[in-house]
Amino acid sequence: TLAKNSLDATDIEKVNARRLAASKLADDQIVRKLF
């Protein structure tokens, strides 16, 4: 849901959503695949 809601967000909100997901997953490739 976090990744889906960031599709329509501004650039700053997209970066923030990716950082939140990265803190939960701790893997850049999985975060990239998620988004």
PDB file of all heavy atoms in Angstrom:
ATOM      1  N   THR A   1       0.830  -1.205   0.000  1.00  0.00           N
ATOM      2  CA  THR A   1       0.000   0.000   0.000  1.00  0.00           C
ATOM      3  C   THR A   1       0.865   1.255   0.000  1.00  0.00           C
ATOM      4  O   THR A   1       0.561   2.223  -0.709  1.00  0.00           O
ATOM      5  CB  THR A   1      -0.943   0.003   1.217  1.00  0.00           C
ATOM      6  OG1 THR A   1      -1.749  -1.168   1.168  1.00  0.00           O
ATOM      7  CG2 THR A   1      -1.827   1.231   1.226  1.00  0.00           C
ATOM      8  N   LEU A   2       1.935   1.255   0.772  1.00  0.00           N
ATOM      9  CA  LEU A   2       2.861   2.389   0.792  1.00  0.00           C
ATOM     10  C   LEU A   2       3.434   2.628  -0.596  1.00  0.00           C
ATOM     11  O   LEU A   2       3.473   3.765  -1.084  1.00  0.00           O
ATOM     12  CB  LEU A   2       3.988   2.120   1.791  1.00  0.00           C
ATOM     13  CG  LEU A   2       5.101   3.157   1.871  1.00  0.00           C
ATOM     14  CD1 LEU A   2       4.593   4.416   2.551  1.00  0.00           C
ATOM     15  CD2 LEU A   2       6.284   2.588   2.618  1.00  0.00           C
ATOM     16  N   ALA A   3       3.862   1.566  -1.265  1.00  0.00           N
ATOM     17  CA  ALA A   3       4.429   1.694  -2.605  1.00  0.00           C
ATOM     18  C   ALA A   3       3.370   2.122  -3.616  1.00  0.00           C
ATOM     19  O   ALA A   3       3.634   2.934  -4.505  1.00  0.00           O
ATOM     20  CB  ALA A   3       5.055   0.373  -3.020  1.00  0.00           C
ATOM     21  N   LYS A   4       2.167   1.589  -3.475  1.00  0.00           N
ATOM     22  CA  LYS A   4       1.089   1.929  -4.409  1.00  0.00           C
ATOM     23  C   LYS A   4       0.676   3.387  -4.272  1.00  0.00           C
ATOM     24  O   LYS A   4       0.451   4.066  -5.276  1.00  0.00           O
ATOM     25  CB  LYS A   4      -0.109   1.011  -4.139  1.00  0.00           C
ATOM     26  CG  LYS A   4      -1.193   1.113  -5.176  1.00  0.00           C
ATOM     27  CD  LYS A   4      -2.306   0.154  -4.878  1.00  0.00           C
ATOM     28  CE  LYS A   4      -3.226   0.781  -3.863  1.00  0.00           C
ATOM     29  NZ  LYS A   4      -4.529   0.132  -3.785  1.00  0.00           N
ATOM     30  N   ASN A   5       0.609   3.885  -3.042  1.00  0.00           N
ATOM     31  CA  ASN A   5       0.221   5.282  -2.829  1.00  0.00           C
ATOM     32  C   ASN A   5       1.294   6.250  -3.292  1.00  0.00           C
ATOM     33  O   ASN A   5       0.998   7.410  -3.587  1.00  0.00           O
ATOM     34  CB  ASN A   5      -0.100   5.527  -1.356  1.00  0.00           C
ATOM     35  CG  ASN A   5      -1.378   4.849  -0.932  1.00  0.00           C
ATOM     36  OD1 ASN A   5      -2.211   4.503  -1.767  1.00  0.00           O
ATOM     37  ND2 ASN A   5      -1.533   4.644   0.356  1.00  0.00           N
ATOM     38  N   SER A   6       2.538   5.807  -3.365  1.00  0.00           N
ATOM     39  CA  SER A   6       3.601   6.710  -3.792  1.00  0.00           C
ATOM     40  C   SER A   6       3.655   6.861  -5.312  1.00  0.00           C
ATOM     41  O   SER A   6       4.397   7.693  -5.816  1.00  0.00           O
ATOM     42  CB  SER A   6       4.952   6.215  -3.283  1.00  0.00           C
ATOM     43  OG  SER A   6       5.371   5.092  -4.019  1.00  0.00           O
ATOM     44  N   LEU A   7       2.880   6.073  -6.049  1.00  0.00           N
ATOM     45  CA  LEU A   7       2.889   6.191  -7.508  1.00  0.00           C
ATOM     46  C   LEU A   7       2.357   7.546  -7.961  1.00  0.00           C
ATOM     47  O   LEU A   7       2.796   8.082  -8.969  1.00  0.00           O
ATOM     48  CB  LEU A   7       2.060   5.061  -8.135  1.00  0.00           C
ATOM     49  CG  LEU A   7       2.592   3.651  -7.956  1.00  0.00           C
ATOM     50  CD1 LEU A   7       1.614   2.638  -8.535  1.00  0.00           C
ATOM     51  CD2 LEU A   7       3.951   3.503  -8.594  1.00  0.00           C
ATOM     52  N   ASP A   8       1.399   8.109  -7.229  1.00  0.00           N
ATOM     53  CA  ASP A   8       0.794   9.390  -7.599  1.00  0.00           C
ATOM     54  C   ASP A   8       1.343  10.553  -6.785  1.00  0.00           C
ATOM     55  O   ASP A   8       0.818  11.651  -6.863  1.00  0.00           O
ATOM     56  CB  ASP A   8      -0.724   9.329  -7.396  1.00  0.00           C
ATOM     57  CG  ASP A   8      -1.374   8.239  -8.222  1.00  0.00           C
ATOM     58  OD1 ASP A   8      -0.816   7.909  -9.281  1.00  0.00           O
ATOM     59  OD2 ASP A   8      -2.420   7.725  -7.808  1.00  0.00           O
ATOM     60  N   ALA A   9       2.395  10.334  -6.015  1.00  0.00           N
ATOM     61  CA  ALA A   9       2.886  11.341  -5.083  1.00  0.00           C
ATOM     62  C   ALA A   9       3.931  12.243  -5.751  1.00  0.00           C
ATOM     63  O   ALA A   9       4.391  11.996  -6.865  1.00  0.00           O
ATOM     64  CB  ALA A   9       3.495  10.655  -3.868  1.00  0.00           C
ATOM     65  N   THR A  10       4.307  13.280  -5.011  1.00  0.00           N
ATOM     66  CA  THR A  10       5.372  14.163  -5.478  1.00  0.00           C
ATOM     67  C   THR A  10       6.723  13.476  -5.284  1.00  0.00           C
ATOM     68  O   THR A  10       6.818  12.417  -4.667  1.00  0.00           O
ATOM     69  CB  THR A  10       5.363  15.486  -4.690  1.00  0.00           C
ATOM     70  OG1 THR A  10       5.618  15.200  -3.316  1.00  0.00           O
ATOM     71  CG2 THR A  10       4.015  16.189  -4.814  1.00  0.00           C
ATOM     72  N   ASP A  11       7.765  14.106  -5.793  1.00  0.00           N
ATOM     73  CA  ASP A  11       9.101  13.502  -5.727  1.00  0.00           C
ATOM     74  C   ASP A  11       9.567  13.318  -4.290  1.00  0.00           C
ATOM     75  O   ASP A  11      10.161  12.292  -3.952  1.00  0.00           O
ATOM     76  CB  ASP A  11      10.114  14.356  -6.482  1.00  0.00           C
ATOM     77  CG  ASP A  11       9.895  14.287  -7.995  1.00  0.00           C
ATOM     78  OD1 ASP A  11       9.258  13.311  -8.434  1.00  0.00           O
ATOM     79  OD2 ASP A  11      10.365  15.184  -8.712  1.00  0.00           O
ATOM     80  N   ILE A  12       9.294  14.291  -3.439  1.00  0.00           N
ATOM     81  CA  ILE A  12       9.733  14.196  -2.045  1.00  0.00           C
ATOM     82  C   ILE A  12       9.001  13.061  -1.334  1.00  0.00           C
ATOM     83  O   ILE A  12       9.596  12.304  -0.568  1.00  0.00           O
ATOM     84  CB  ILE A  12       9.512  15.541  -1.320  1.00  0.00           C
ATOM     85  CG1 ILE A  12      10.439  16.603  -1.920  1.00  0.00           C
ATOM     86  CG2 ILE A  12       9.735  15.417   0.174  1.00  0.00           C
ATOM     87  CD1 ILE A  12      10.191  17.993  -1.433  1.00  0.00           C
ATOM     88  N   GLU A  13       7.694  12.927  -1.603  1.00  0.00           N
ATOM     89  CA  GLU A  13       6.926  11.849  -0.984  1.00  0.00           C
ATOM     90  C   GLU A  13       7.363  10.482  -1.489  1.00  0.00           C
ATOM     91  O   GLU A  13       7.355   9.504  -0.745  1.00  0.00           O
ATOM     92  CB  GLU A  13       5.435  12.065  -1.245  1.00  0.00           C
ATOM     93  CG  GLU A  13       4.880  13.278  -0.509  1.00  0.00           C
ATOM     94  CD  GLU A  13       3.495  13.650  -0.971  1.00  0.00           C
ATOM     95  OE1 GLU A  13       3.057  13.171  -2.037  1.00  0.00           O
ATOM     96  OE2 GLU A  13       2.837  14.426  -0.263  1.00  0.00           O
ATOM     97  N   LYS A  14       7.783  10.404  -2.766  1.00  0.00           N
ATOM     98  CA  LYS A  14       8.288   9.140  -3.308  1.00  0.00           C
ATOM     99  C   LYS A  14       9.580   8.724  -2.621  1.00  0.00           C
ATOM    100  O   LYS A  14       9.763   7.549  -2.283  1.00  0.00           O
ATOM    101  CB  LYS A  14       8.524   9.262  -4.811  1.00  0.00           C
ATOM    102  CG  LYS A  14       7.276   9.308  -5.632  1.00  0.00           C
ATOM    103  CD  LYS A  14       7.596   9.430  -7.097  1.00  0.00           C
ATOM    104  CE  LYS A  14       6.327   9.566  -7.918  1.00  0.00           C
ATOM    105  NZ  LYS A  14       6.614   9.727  -9.346  1.00  0.00           N
ATOM    106  N   VAL A  15      10.464   9.680  -2.408  1.00  0.00           N
ATOM    107  CA  VAL A  15      11.731   9.387  -1.734  1.00  0.00           C
ATOM    108  C   VAL A  15      11.466   8.947  -0.302  1.00  0.00           C
ATOM    109  O   VAL A  15      12.071   7.984   0.189  1.00  0.00           O
ATOM    110  CB  VAL A  15      12.661  10.612  -1.773  1.00  0.00           C
ATOM    111  CG1 VAL A  15      13.876  10.415  -0.882  1.00  0.00           C
ATOM    112  CG2 VAL A  15      13.095  10.902  -3.196  1.00  0.00           C
ATOM    113  N   ASN A  16      10.547   9.628   0.366  1.00  0.00           N
ATOM    114  CA  ASN A  16      10.224   9.271   1.741  1.00  0.00           C
ATOM    115  C   ASN A  16       9.629   7.869   1.821  1.00  0.00           C
ATOM    116  O   ASN A  16       9.976   7.087   2.714  1.00  0.00           O
ATOM    117  CB  ASN A  16       9.242  10.290   2.326  1.00  0.00           C
ATOM    118  CG  ASN A  16       9.003  10.078   3.795  1.00  0.00           C
ATOM    119  OD1 ASN A  16       9.918   9.696   4.513  1.00  0.00           O
ATOM    120  ND2 ASN A  16       7.781  10.303   4.240  1.00  0.00           N
ATOM    121  N   ALA A  17       8.753   7.524   0.886  1.00  0.00           N
ATOM    122  CA  ALA A  17       8.149   6.186   0.883  1.00  0.00           C
ATOM    123  C   ALA A  17       9.210   5.116   0.647  1.00  0.00           C
ATOM    124  O   ALA A  17       9.203   4.066   1.297  1.00  0.00           O
ATOM    125  CB  ALA A  17       7.060   6.113  -0.189  1.00  0.00           C
ATOM    126  N   ARG A  18      10.144   5.367  -0.256  1.00  0.00           N
ATOM    127  CA  ARG A  18      11.217   4.403  -0.509  1.00  0.00           C
ATOM    128  C   ARG A  18      12.114   4.234   0.713  1.00  0.00           C
ATOM    129  O   ARG A  18      12.562   3.132   1.008  1.00  0.00           O
ATOM    130  CB  ARG A  18      12.047   4.810  -1.722  1.00  0.00           C
ATOM    131  CG  ARG A  18      11.346   4.538  -3.028  1.00  0.00           C
ATOM    132  CD  ARG A  18      12.240   4.866  -4.200  1.00  0.00           C
ATOM    133  NE  ARG A  18      11.536   4.670  -5.438  1.00  0.00           N
ATOM    134  CZ  ARG A  18      11.658   3.583  -6.206  1.00  0.00           C
ATOM    135  NH1 ARG A  18      12.467   2.617  -5.848  1.00  0.00           N
ATOM    136  NH2 ARG A  18      10.976   3.477  -7.319  1.00  0.00           N
ATOM    137  N   ARG A  19      12.364   5.311   1.420  1.00  0.00           N
ATOM    138  CA  ARG A  19      13.196   5.227   2.625  1.00  0.00           C
ATOM    139  C   ARG A  19      12.487   4.439   3.722  1.00  0.00           C
ATOM    140  O   ARG A  19      13.115   3.663   4.446  1.00  0.00           O
ATOM    141  CB  ARG A  19      13.559   6.624   3.124  1.00  0.00           C
ATOM    142  CG  ARG A  19      14.608   7.289   2.274  1.00  0.00           C
ATOM    143  CD  ARG A  19      14.947   8.650   2.802  1.00  0.00           C
ATOM    144  NE  ARG A  19      15.990   9.256   1.987  1.00  0.00           N
ATOM    145  CZ  ARG A  19      16.351  10.531   2.069  1.00  0.00           C
ATOM    146  NH1 ARG A  19      15.755  11.334   2.925  1.00  0.00           N
ATOM    147  NH2 ARG A  19      17.308  11.003   1.299  1.00  0.00           N
ATOM    148  N   LEU A  20      11.181   4.647   3.868  1.00  0.00           N
ATOM    149  CA  LEU A  20      10.417   3.883   4.856  1.00  0.00           C
ATOM    150  C   LEU A  20      10.435   2.391   4.522  1.00  0.00           C
ATOM    151  O   LEU A  20      10.622   1.548   5.403  1.00  0.00           O
ATOM    152  CB  LEU A  20       8.973   4.382   4.922  1.00  0.00           C
ATOM    153  CG  LEU A  20       8.741   5.720   5.615  1.00  0.00           C
ATOM    154  CD1 LEU A  20       7.306   6.170   5.409  1.00  0.00           C
ATOM    155  CD2 LEU A  20       9.056   5.611   7.081  1.00  0.00           C
ATOM    156  N   ALA A  21      10.257   2.069   3.247  1.00  0.00           N
ATOM    157  CA  ALA A  21      10.281   0.664   2.837  1.00  0.00           C
ATOM    158  C   ALA A  21      11.674   0.073   3.016  1.00  0.00           C
ATOM    159  O   ALA A  21      11.820  -1.076   3.436  1.00  0.00           O
ATOM    160  CB  ALA A  21       9.829   0.535   1.384  1.00  0.00           C
ATOM    161  N   ALA A  22      12.708   0.852   2.719  1.00  0.00           N
ATOM    162  CA  ALA A  22      14.080   0.362   2.878  1.00  0.00           C
ATOM    163  C   ALA A  22      14.415   0.109   4.338  1.00  0.00           C
ATOM    164  O   ALA A  22      15.171  -0.816   4.656  1.00  0.00           O
ATOM    165  CB  ALA A  22      15.064   1.354   2.278  1.00  0.00           C
ATOM    166  N   SER A  23      13.839   0.881   5.243  1.00  0.00           N
ATOM    167  CA  SER A  23      14.101   0.653   6.658  1.00  0.00           C
ATOM    168  C   SER A  23      13.447  -0.639   7.139  1.00  0.00           C
ATOM    169  O   SER A  23      13.946  -1.288   8.051  1.00  0.00           O
ATOM    170  CB  SER A  23      13.600   1.831   7.496  1.00  0.00           C
ATOM    171  OG  SER A  23      12.188   1.863   7.526  1.00  0.00           O
ATOM    172  N   LYS A  24      12.330  -1.027   6.517  1.00  0.00           N
ATOM    173  CA  LYS A  24      11.672  -2.279   6.887  1.00  0.00           C
ATOM    174  C   LYS A  24      12.322  -3.493   6.226  1.00  0.00           C
ATOM    175  O   LYS A  24      12.378  -4.570   6.806  1.00  0.00           O
ATOM    176  CB  LYS A  24      10.195  -2.250   6.482  1.00  0.00           C
ATOM    177  CG  LYS A  24       9.367  -1.236   7.213  1.00  0.00           C
ATOM    178  CD  LYS A  24       8.987  -1.736   8.556  1.00  0.00           C
ATOM    179  CE  LYS A  24       8.030  -0.744   9.202  1.00  0.00           C
ATOM    180  NZ  LYS A  24       7.693  -1.148  10.544  1.00  0.00           N
ATOM    181  N   LEU A  25      12.803  -3.325   4.977  1.00  0.00           N
ATOM    182  CA  LEU A  25      13.297  -4.466   4.214  1.00  0.00           C
ATOM    183  C   LEU A  25      14.811  -4.607   4.216  1.00  0.00           C
ATOM    184  O   LEU A  25      15.324  -5.714   4.091  1.00  0.00           O
ATOM    185  CB  LEU A  25      12.812  -4.367   2.761  1.00  0.00           C
ATOM    186  CG  LEU A  25      11.307  -4.455   2.567  1.00  0.00           C
ATOM    187  CD1 LEU A  25      10.942  -4.204   1.125  1.00  0.00           C
ATOM    188  CD2 LEU A  25      10.799  -5.803   3.012  1.00  0.00           C
ATOM    189  N   ALA A  26      15.544  -3.499   4.291  1.00  0.00           N
ATOM    190  CA  ALA A  26      17.013  -3.497   4.318  1.00  0.00           C
ATOM    191  C   ALA A  26      17.617  -4.187   3.101  1.00  0.00           C
ATOM    192  O   ALA A  26      18.624  -4.883   3.208  1.00  0.00           O
ATOM    193  CB  ALA A  26      17.529  -4.124   5.612  1.00  0.00           C
ATOM    194  N   ASP A  27      16.995  -4.019   1.927  1.00  0.00           N
ATOM    195  CA  ASP A  27      17.526  -4.590   0.693  1.00  0.00           C
ATOM    196  C   ASP A  27      17.072  -3.699  -0.469  1.00  0.00           C
ATOM    197  O   ASP A  27      15.879  -3.624  -0.768  1.00  0.00           O
ATOM    198  CB  ASP A  27      17.025  -6.019   0.511  1.00  0.00           C
ATOM    199  CG  ASP A  27      17.692  -6.735  -0.642  1.00  0.00           C
ATOM    200  OD1 ASP A  27      18.377  -6.067  -1.448  1.00  0.00           O
ATOM    201  OD2 ASP A  27      17.539  -7.951  -0.758  1.00  0.00           O
ATOM    202  N   ASP A  28      18.037  -3.053  -1.125  1.00  0.00           N
ATOM    203  CA  ASP A  28      17.694  -2.092  -2.174  1.00  0.00           C
ATOM    204  C   ASP A  28      17.044  -2.743  -3.391  1.00  0.00           C
ATOM    205  O   ASP A  28      16.158  -2.156  -4.012  1.00  0.00           O
ATOM    206  CB  ASP A  28      18.942  -1.321  -2.607  1.00  0.00           C
ATOM    207  CG  ASP A  28      19.465  -0.431  -1.500  1.00  0.00           C
ATOM    208  OD1 ASP A  28      18.665  -0.063  -0.616  1.00  0.00           O
ATOM    209  OD2 ASP A  28      20.665  -0.088  -1.524  1.00  0.00           O
ATOM    210  N   GLN A  29      17.466  -3.944  -3.742  1.00  0.00           N
ATOM    211  CA  GLN A  29      16.886  -4.606  -4.911  1.00  0.00           C
ATOM    212  C   GLN A  29      15.417  -4.967  -4.679  1.00  0.00           C
ATOM    213  O   GLN A  29      14.590  -4.822  -5.577  1.00  0.00           O
ATOM    214  CB  GLN A  29      17.667  -5.876  -5.241  1.00  0.00           C
ATOM    215  CG  GLN A  29      19.056  -5.596  -5.765  1.00  0.00           C
ATOM    216  CD  GLN A  29      19.813  -6.879  -6.044  1.00  0.00           C
ATOM    217  OE1 GLN A  29      19.476  -7.929  -5.512  1.00  0.00           O
ATOM    218  NE2 GLN A  29      20.842  -6.785  -6.865  1.00  0.00           N
ATOM    219  N   ILE A  30      15.089  -5.415  -3.487  1.00  0.00           N
ATOM    220  CA  ILE A  30      13.697  -5.760  -3.177  1.00  0.00           C
ATOM    221  C   ILE A  30      12.839  -4.499  -3.127  1.00  0.00           C
ATOM    222  O   ILE A  30      11.690  -4.507  -3.586  1.00  0.00           O
ATOM    223  CB  ILE A  30      13.608  -6.547  -1.855  1.00  0.00           C
ATOM    224  CG1 ILE A  30      14.428  -7.829  -1.933  1.00  0.00           C
ATOM    225  CG2 ILE A  30      12.165  -6.878  -1.506  1.00  0.00           C
ATOM    226  CD1 ILE A  30      13.962  -8.818  -2.977  1.00  0.00           C
ATOM    227  N   VAL A  31      13.387  -3.408  -2.588  1.00  0.00           N
ATOM    228  CA  VAL A  31      12.643  -2.147  -2.564  1.00  0.00           C
ATOM    229  C   VAL A  31      12.372  -1.675  -3.986  1.00  0.00           C
ATOM    230  O   VAL A  31      11.259  -1.250  -4.319  1.00  0.00           O
ATOM    231  CB  VAL A  31      13.424  -1.071  -1.765  1.00  0.00           C
ATOM    232  CG1 VAL A  31      12.774   0.287  -1.912  1.00  0.00           C
ATOM    233  CG2 VAL A  31      13.505  -1.463  -0.305  1.00  0.00           C
ATOM    234  N   ARG A  32      13.360  -1.792  -4.849  1.00  0.00           N
ATOM    235  CA  ARG A  32      13.198  -1.403  -6.251  1.00  0.00           C
ATOM    236  C   ARG A  32      12.120  -2.267  -6.922  1.00  0.00           C
ATOM    237  O   ARG A  32      11.274  -1.756  -7.646  1.00  0.00           O
ATOM    238  CB  ARG A  32      14.538  -1.546  -6.978  1.00  0.00           C
ATOM    239  CG  ARG A  32      14.594  -0.833  -8.293  1.00  0.00           C
ATOM    240  CD  ARG A  32      15.990  -0.841  -8.900  1.00  0.00           C
ATOM    241  NE  ARG A  32      16.958  -0.225  -7.993  1.00  0.00           N
ATOM    242  CZ  ARG A  32      18.022  -0.867  -7.484  1.00  0.00           C
ATOM    243  NH1 ARG A  32      18.258  -2.121  -7.788  1.00  0.00           N
ATOM    244  NH2 ARG A  32      18.858  -0.237  -6.681  1.00  0.00           N
ATOM    245  N   LYS A  33      12.147  -3.562  -6.662  1.00  0.00           N
ATOM    246  CA  LYS A  33      11.140  -4.452  -7.241  1.00  0.00           C
ATOM    247  C   LYS A  33       9.750  -4.134  -6.703  1.00  0.00           C
ATOM    248  O   LYS A  33       8.764  -4.150  -7.445  1.00  0.00           O
ATOM    249  CB  LYS A  33      11.497  -5.909  -6.956  1.00  0.00           C
ATOM    250  CG  LYS A  33      10.523  -6.883  -7.579  1.00  0.00           C
ATOM    251  CD  LYS A  33      10.924  -8.314  -7.392  1.00  0.00           C
ATOM    252  CE  LYS A  33       9.906  -9.220  -8.066  1.00  0.00           C
ATOM    253  NZ  LYS A  33      10.231 -10.623  -7.927  1.00  0.00           N
ATOM    254  N   LEU A  34       9.661  -3.828  -5.411  1.00  0.00           N
ATOM    255  CA  LEU A  34       8.382  -3.487  -4.796  1.00  0.00           C
ATOM    256  C   LEU A  34       7.765  -2.263  -5.460  1.00  0.00           C
ATOM    257  O   LEU A  34       6.581  -2.264  -5.815  1.00  0.00           O
ATOM    258  CB  LEU A  34       8.561  -3.252  -3.296  1.00  0.00           C
ATOM    259  CG  LEU A  34       7.371  -2.705  -2.515  1.00  0.00           C
ATOM    260  CD1 LEU A  34       6.234  -3.705  -2.512  1.00  0.00           C
ATOM    261  CD2 LEU A  34       7.783  -2.371  -1.098  1.00  0.00           C
ATOM    262  N   PHE A  35       8.558  -1.215  -5.662  1.00  0.00           N
ATOM    263  CA  PHE A  35       8.026   0.035  -6.199  1.00  0.00           C
ATOM    264  C   PHE A  35       7.851   0.003  -7.721  1.00  0.00           C
ATOM    265  O   PHE A  35       6.952   0.657  -8.243  1.00  0.00           O
ATOM    266  CB  PHE A  35       8.930   1.200  -5.795  1.00  0.00           C
ATOM    267  CG  PHE A  35       8.686   1.677  -4.398  1.00  0.00           C
ATOM    268  CD1 PHE A  35       9.252   1.026  -3.320  1.00  0.00           C
ATOM    269  CD2 PHE A  35       7.877   2.765  -4.155  1.00  0.00           C
ATOM    270  CE1 PHE A  35       9.026   1.446  -2.026  1.00  0.00           C
ATOM    271  CE2 PHE A  35       7.638   3.199  -2.869  1.00  0.00           C
ATOM    272  CZ  PHE A  35       8.206   2.534  -1.800  1.00  0.00           C
TER     273      PHE A  35
END
